[in-house]
Amino acid sequence: MSLDVYLEDEKGVEVYHSNITHNLGKMAREAGIYECLWRPDEHGITHARQMVEPLAAGVTLLATQKARFEAFNAANGWGMWEHFVPFCMDYLQACRDNLDAVVSVSR
């Protein structure tokens, strides 16, 4: 099982897509970004510009408190800090590059 995140431009053309395992849900919660990543639709997040602030804060926490978040690494290796940080950083950059893009997820 995994999370797919999408950004689409005003014409409905996909400008970004990425995928990450659900095993990172607990780590995302600890970093304060579970809701914006997994459930943006339930929290009024419709556009990439709304993702920038929470994702930036989450990335900062993840990057500066590695040991804290590595405690949430999946024992089976499917859901690791070392994969989650780049996923979040890439998504954040995509949001910054496409502020007016529509956010959607498949979970």
N, C-alpha and C. Protein backbone atom coordinates (compact mmCIF):
# COMPACT_ATOMS: atom_id res chain seq x y z
N MET A 1 0.85 -1.18 0.00
CA MET A 1 0.00 0.00 0.00
C MET A 1 0.89 1.24 0.00
N SER A 2 0.41 2.25 -0.72
CA SER A 2 1.22 3.46 -0.80
C SER A 2 0.35 4.70 -0.99
N LEU A 3 1.01 5.82 -0.86
CA LEU A 3 0.40 7.12 -1.06
C LEU A 3 0.94 7.69 -2.37
N ASP A 4 0.04 8.11 -3.24
CA ASP A 4 0.41 8.81 -4.46
C ASP A 4 -0.03 10.26 -4.31
N VAL A 5 0.88 11.18 -4.59
CA VAL A 5 0.55 12.61 -4.55
C VAL A 5 0.67 13.17 -5.96
N TYR A 6 -0.24 14.07 -6.29
CA TYR A 6 -0.29 14.64 -7.64
C TYR A 6 -0.47 16.16 -7.57
N LEU A 7 0.12 16.83 -8.54
CA LEU A 7 -0.13 18.25 -8.78
C LEU A 7 -0.54 18.36 -10.25
N GLU A 8 -1.63 19.09 -10.49
CA GLU A 8 -2.11 19.32 -11.86
C GLU A 8 -2.23 20.81 -12.11
N ASP A 9 -1.87 21.23 -13.31
CA ASP A 9 -1.99 22.65 -13.66
C ASP A 9 -3.45 23.01 -13.94
N GLU A 10 -3.68 24.26 -14.31
CA GLU A 10 -5.05 24.77 -14.51
C GLU A 10 -5.77 24.07 -15.66
N LYS A 11 -5.04 23.39 -16.53
CA LYS A 11 -5.65 22.65 -17.64
C LYS A 11 -5.87 21.18 -17.29
N GLY A 12 -5.52 20.79 -16.06
CA GLY A 12 -5.67 19.41 -15.64
C GLY A 12 -4.52 18.51 -16.05
N VAL A 13 -3.43 19.13 -16.48
CA VAL A 13 -2.24 18.37 -16.89
C VAL A 13 -1.38 18.10 -15.66
N GLU A 14 -1.01 16.85 -15.48
CA GLU A 14 -0.17 16.48 -14.34
C GLU A 14 1.21 17.11 -14.49
N VAL A 15 1.62 17.87 -13.47
CA VAL A 15 2.94 18.49 -13.47
C VAL A 15 3.87 17.84 -12.46
N TYR A 16 3.30 17.00 -11.59
CA TYR A 16 4.12 16.30 -10.59
C TYR A 16 3.35 15.09 -10.10
N HIS A 17 4.08 14.02 -9.86
CA HIS A 17 3.53 12.82 -9.25
C HIS A 17 4.65 12.12 -8.50
N SER A 18 4.33 11.64 -7.31
CA SER A 18 5.29 10.85 -6.55
C SER A 18 4.53 9.85 -5.69
N ASN A 19 5.27 8.91 -5.15
CA ASN A 19 4.69 7.79 -4.42
C ASN A 19 5.58 7.45 -3.24
N ILE A 20 4.94 7.11 -2.12
CA ILE A 20 5.69 6.71 -0.91
C ILE A 20 4.84 5.71 -0.13
N THR A 21 5.48 4.85 0.63
CA THR A 21 4.78 3.83 1.38
C THR A 21 3.97 4.39 2.56
N HIS A 22 2.86 3.72 2.83
CA HIS A 22 2.05 4.08 4.00
C HIS A 22 2.78 3.83 5.30
N ASN A 23 3.83 3.02 5.26
CA ASN A 23 4.59 2.74 6.48
C ASN A 23 5.22 4.00 7.08
N LEU A 24 5.22 5.09 6.34
CA LEU A 24 5.80 6.34 6.84
C LEU A 24 4.76 7.24 7.50
N GLY A 25 3.55 6.76 7.65
CA GLY A 25 2.50 7.55 8.27
C GLY A 25 2.83 8.02 9.68
N LYS A 26 3.39 7.14 10.49
CA LYS A 26 3.72 7.53 11.87
C LYS A 26 4.82 8.58 11.90
N MET A 27 5.78 8.44 11.02
CA MET A 27 6.85 9.43 10.93
C MET A 27 6.28 10.78 10.49
N ALA A 28 5.38 10.73 9.53
CA ALA A 28 4.73 11.96 9.05
C ALA A 28 3.94 12.63 10.16
N ARG A 29 3.23 11.84 10.95
CA ARG A 29 2.48 12.40 12.09
C ARG A 29 3.43 13.10 13.06
N GLU A 30 4.53 12.43 13.37
CA GLU A 30 5.50 13.00 14.30
C GLU A 30 6.08 14.31 13.77
N ALA A 31 6.21 14.41 12.45
CA ALA A 31 6.75 15.62 11.84
C ALA A 31 5.67 16.68 11.59
N GLY A 32 4.41 16.34 11.90
CA GLY A 32 3.32 17.30 11.76
C GLY A 32 2.84 17.49 10.33
N ILE A 33 3.11 16.51 9.46
CA ILE A 33 2.73 16.67 8.05
C ILE A 33 1.85 15.54 7.53
N TYR A 34 1.36 14.70 8.40
CA TYR A 34 0.50 13.60 7.93
C TYR A 34 -0.74 14.14 7.24
N GLU A 35 -1.42 15.08 7.87
CA GLU A 35 -2.68 15.59 7.33
C GLU A 35 -2.50 16.22 5.95
N CYS A 36 -1.45 17.03 5.78
CA CYS A 36 -1.28 17.68 4.48
C CYS A 36 -0.83 16.69 3.41
N LEU A 37 -0.08 15.66 3.78
CA LEU A 37 0.35 14.67 2.80
C LEU A 37 -0.73 13.66 2.48
N TRP A 38 -1.29 13.03 3.50
CA TRP A 38 -2.23 11.92 3.30
C TRP A 38 -3.67 12.37 3.13
N ARG A 39 -4.05 13.47 3.73
CA ARG A 39 -5.46 13.87 3.75
C ARG A 39 -5.66 15.36 3.48
N PRO A 40 -5.06 15.87 2.43
CA PRO A 40 -5.21 17.31 2.17
C PRO A 40 -6.67 17.70 1.94
N ASP A 41 -7.41 16.83 1.27
CA ASP A 41 -8.82 17.09 0.95
C ASP A 41 -9.67 17.26 2.20
N GLU A 42 -9.30 16.59 3.28
CA GLU A 42 -10.06 16.67 4.53
C GLU A 42 -9.67 17.89 5.37
N HIS A 43 -8.64 18.61 4.93
CA HIS A 43 -8.15 19.76 5.69
C HIS A 43 -8.14 21.04 4.88
N GLY A 44 -8.95 21.06 3.82
CA GLY A 44 -9.11 22.28 3.04
C GLY A 44 -7.94 22.64 2.14
N ILE A 45 -7.03 21.70 1.93
CA ILE A 45 -5.89 21.96 1.07
C ILE A 45 -6.26 21.56 -0.35
N THR A 46 -6.29 22.55 -1.22
CA THR A 46 -6.66 22.30 -2.62
C THR A 46 -5.55 22.67 -3.60
N HIS A 47 -4.65 23.56 -3.17
CA HIS A 47 -3.61 24.06 -4.08
C HIS A 47 -2.21 23.92 -3.46
N ALA A 48 -1.23 23.81 -4.33
CA ALA A 48 0.15 23.61 -3.89
C ALA A 48 0.63 24.71 -2.95
N ARG A 49 0.18 25.94 -3.18
CA ARG A 49 0.62 27.06 -2.32
C ARG A 49 0.28 26.80 -0.85
N GLN A 50 -0.77 26.04 -0.59
CA GLN A 50 -1.18 25.73 0.77
C GLN A 50 -0.30 24.65 1.40
N MET A 51 0.46 23.96 0.58
CA MET A 51 1.34 22.89 1.07
C MET A 51 2.71 23.41 1.49
N VAL A 52 3.10 24.55 0.97
CA VAL A 52 4.47 25.02 1.15
C VAL A 52 4.84 25.19 2.62
N GLU A 53 4.04 25.92 3.36
CA GLU A 53 4.38 26.19 4.76
C GLU A 53 4.45 24.91 5.61
N PRO A 54 3.41 24.06 5.61
CA PRO A 54 3.50 22.87 6.45
C PRO A 54 4.61 21.91 6.00
N LEU A 55 4.80 21.76 4.70
CA LEU A 55 5.86 20.87 4.23
C LEU A 55 7.24 21.41 4.58
N ALA A 56 7.43 22.71 4.45
CA ALA A 56 8.73 23.30 4.80
C ALA A 56 9.04 23.08 6.27
N ALA A 57 8.05 23.27 7.12
CA ALA A 57 8.26 23.04 8.56
C ALA A 57 8.56 21.58 8.83
N GLY A 58 7.84 20.68 8.17
CA GLY A 58 8.08 19.25 8.36
C GLY A 58 9.44 18.82 7.87
N VAL A 59 9.85 19.33 6.72
CA VAL A 59 11.17 19.00 6.18
C VAL A 59 12.26 19.48 7.11
N THR A 60 12.09 20.67 7.66
CA THR A 60 13.08 21.21 8.60
C THR A 60 13.21 20.29 9.82
N LEU A 61 12.09 19.87 10.38
CA LEU A 61 12.14 18.94 11.52
C LEU A 61 12.81 17.63 11.13
N LEU A 62 12.38 17.05 10.03
CA LEU A 62 12.94 15.78 9.59
C LEU A 62 14.45 15.86 9.37
N ALA A 63 14.89 16.94 8.75
CA ALA A 63 16.30 17.08 8.41
C ALA A 63 17.18 17.39 9.61
N THR A 64 16.64 18.05 10.61
CA THR A 64 17.47 18.49 11.74
C THR A 64 17.38 17.55 12.95
N GLN A 65 16.44 16.60 12.90
CA GLN A 65 16.28 15.69 14.04
C GLN A 65 16.25 14.24 13.57
N LYS A 66 17.28 13.88 12.83
CA LYS A 66 17.36 12.56 12.20
C LYS A 66 17.11 11.42 13.19
N ALA A 67 17.80 11.42 14.30
CA ALA A 67 17.67 10.31 15.27
C ALA A 67 16.23 10.18 15.78
N ARG A 68 15.60 11.29 16.02
CA ARG A 68 14.20 11.28 16.48
C ARG A 68 13.31 10.55 15.48
N PHE A 69 13.50 10.83 14.21
CA PHE A 69 12.63 10.27 13.19
C PHE A 69 13.05 8.88 12.74
N GLU A 70 14.32 8.56 12.84
CA GLU A 70 14.75 7.21 12.50
C GLU A 70 14.12 6.17 13.43
N ALA A 71 13.70 6.61 14.60
CA ALA A 71 13.01 5.70 15.52
C ALA A 71 11.70 5.19 14.92
N PHE A 72 11.19 5.87 13.89
CA PHE A 72 9.95 5.47 13.23
C PHE A 72 10.20 4.65 11.95
N ASN A 73 11.47 4.34 11.67
CA ASN A 73 11.77 3.52 10.50
C ASN A 73 11.06 2.18 10.60
N ALA A 74 10.55 1.70 9.50
CA ALA A 74 9.87 0.41 9.47
C ALA A 74 10.89 -0.72 9.65
N ALA A 75 10.56 -1.65 10.51
CA ALA A 75 11.46 -2.78 10.78
C ALA A 75 11.74 -3.59 9.53
N ASN A 76 10.78 -3.63 8.62
CA ASN A 76 10.96 -4.42 7.40
C ASN A 76 11.72 -3.66 6.31
N GLY A 77 12.11 -2.42 6.58
CA GLY A 77 12.87 -1.64 5.61
C GLY A 77 12.02 -0.88 4.61
N TRP A 78 10.71 -1.10 4.63
CA TRP A 78 9.80 -0.40 3.72
C TRP A 78 9.19 0.78 4.45
N GLY A 79 9.92 1.89 4.47
CA GLY A 79 9.49 3.09 5.17
C GLY A 79 10.60 3.63 6.03
N MET A 80 11.56 4.26 5.40
CA MET A 80 12.77 4.72 6.09
C MET A 80 12.91 6.24 5.99
N TRP A 81 13.50 6.82 7.04
CA TRP A 81 13.79 8.25 7.07
C TRP A 81 14.55 8.67 5.82
N GLU A 82 15.53 7.88 5.43
CA GLU A 82 16.40 8.23 4.30
C GLU A 82 15.64 8.32 2.97
N HIS A 83 14.45 7.73 2.90
CA HIS A 83 13.63 7.83 1.70
C HIS A 83 12.56 8.92 1.84
N PHE A 84 12.10 9.10 3.07
CA PHE A 84 11.02 10.05 3.31
C PHE A 84 11.48 11.49 3.15
N VAL A 85 12.68 11.81 3.63
CA VAL A 85 13.18 13.18 3.53
C VAL A 85 13.28 13.63 2.07
N PRO A 86 13.91 12.85 1.19
CA PRO A 86 13.95 13.29 -0.21
C PRO A 86 12.56 13.38 -0.85
N PHE A 87 11.66 12.47 -0.50
CA PHE A 87 10.29 12.54 -1.01
C PHE A 87 9.66 13.87 -0.62
N CYS A 88 9.77 14.24 0.65
CA CYS A 88 9.18 15.49 1.14
C CYS A 88 9.85 16.71 0.51
N MET A 89 11.17 16.66 0.37
CA MET A 89 11.89 17.79 -0.23
C MET A 89 11.50 17.97 -1.70
N ASP A 90 11.39 16.87 -2.42
CA ASP A 90 11.00 16.95 -3.83
C ASP A 90 9.58 17.50 -3.98
N TYR A 91 8.68 17.01 -3.13
CA TYR A 91 7.29 17.46 -3.18
C TYR A 91 7.20 18.95 -2.84
N LEU A 92 7.94 19.36 -1.82
CA LEU A 92 7.98 20.77 -1.45
C LEU A 92 8.46 21.63 -2.62
N GLN A 93 9.51 21.20 -3.28
CA GLN A 93 10.03 21.97 -4.41
C GLN A 93 9.01 22.03 -5.55
N ALA A 94 8.34 20.92 -5.79
CA ALA A 94 7.30 20.89 -6.83
C ALA A 94 6.17 21.85 -6.48
N CYS A 95 5.80 21.91 -5.22
CA CYS A 95 4.76 22.85 -4.78
C CYS A 95 5.22 24.29 -4.97
N ARG A 96 6.46 24.56 -4.61
CA ARG A 96 7.00 25.92 -4.79
C ARG A 96 7.05 26.30 -6.27
N ASP A 97 7.36 25.34 -7.12
CA ASP A 97 7.46 25.59 -8.56
C ASP A 97 6.11 25.70 -9.25
N ASN A 98 5.06 25.22 -8.59
CA ASN A 98 3.72 25.16 -9.19
C ASN A 98 2.67 25.61 -8.19
N LEU A 99 2.80 26.80 -7.68
CA LEU A 99 1.96 27.28 -6.59
C LEU A 99 0.46 27.19 -6.87
N ASP A 100 0.06 27.34 -8.10
CA ASP A 100 -1.37 27.31 -8.44
C ASP A 100 -1.88 25.93 -8.81
N ALA A 101 -1.00 24.93 -8.75
CA ALA A 101 -1.40 23.57 -9.11
C ALA A 101 -2.41 23.02 -8.10
N VAL A 102 -3.28 22.18 -8.59
CA VAL A 102 -4.29 21.51 -7.75
C VAL A 102 -3.65 20.27 -7.15
N VAL A 103 -3.86 20.10 -5.85
CA VAL A 103 -3.32 18.97 -5.09
C VAL A 103 -4.34 17.84 -5.05
N SER A 104 -3.89 16.62 -5.29
CA SER A 104 -4.75 15.46 -5.07
C SER A 104 -3.88 14.29 -4.62
N VAL A 105 -4.54 13.33 -3.99
CA VAL A 105 -3.84 12.14 -3.50
C VAL A 105 -4.66 10.90 -3.80
N SER A 106 -3.97 9.78 -3.83
CA SER A 106 -4.60 8.48 -3.87
C SER A 106 -3.98 7.67 -2.75
N ARG A 107 -4.83 7.23 -1.86
CA ARG A 107 -4.32 6.51 -0.70
C ARG A 107 -4.95 5.16 -0.60
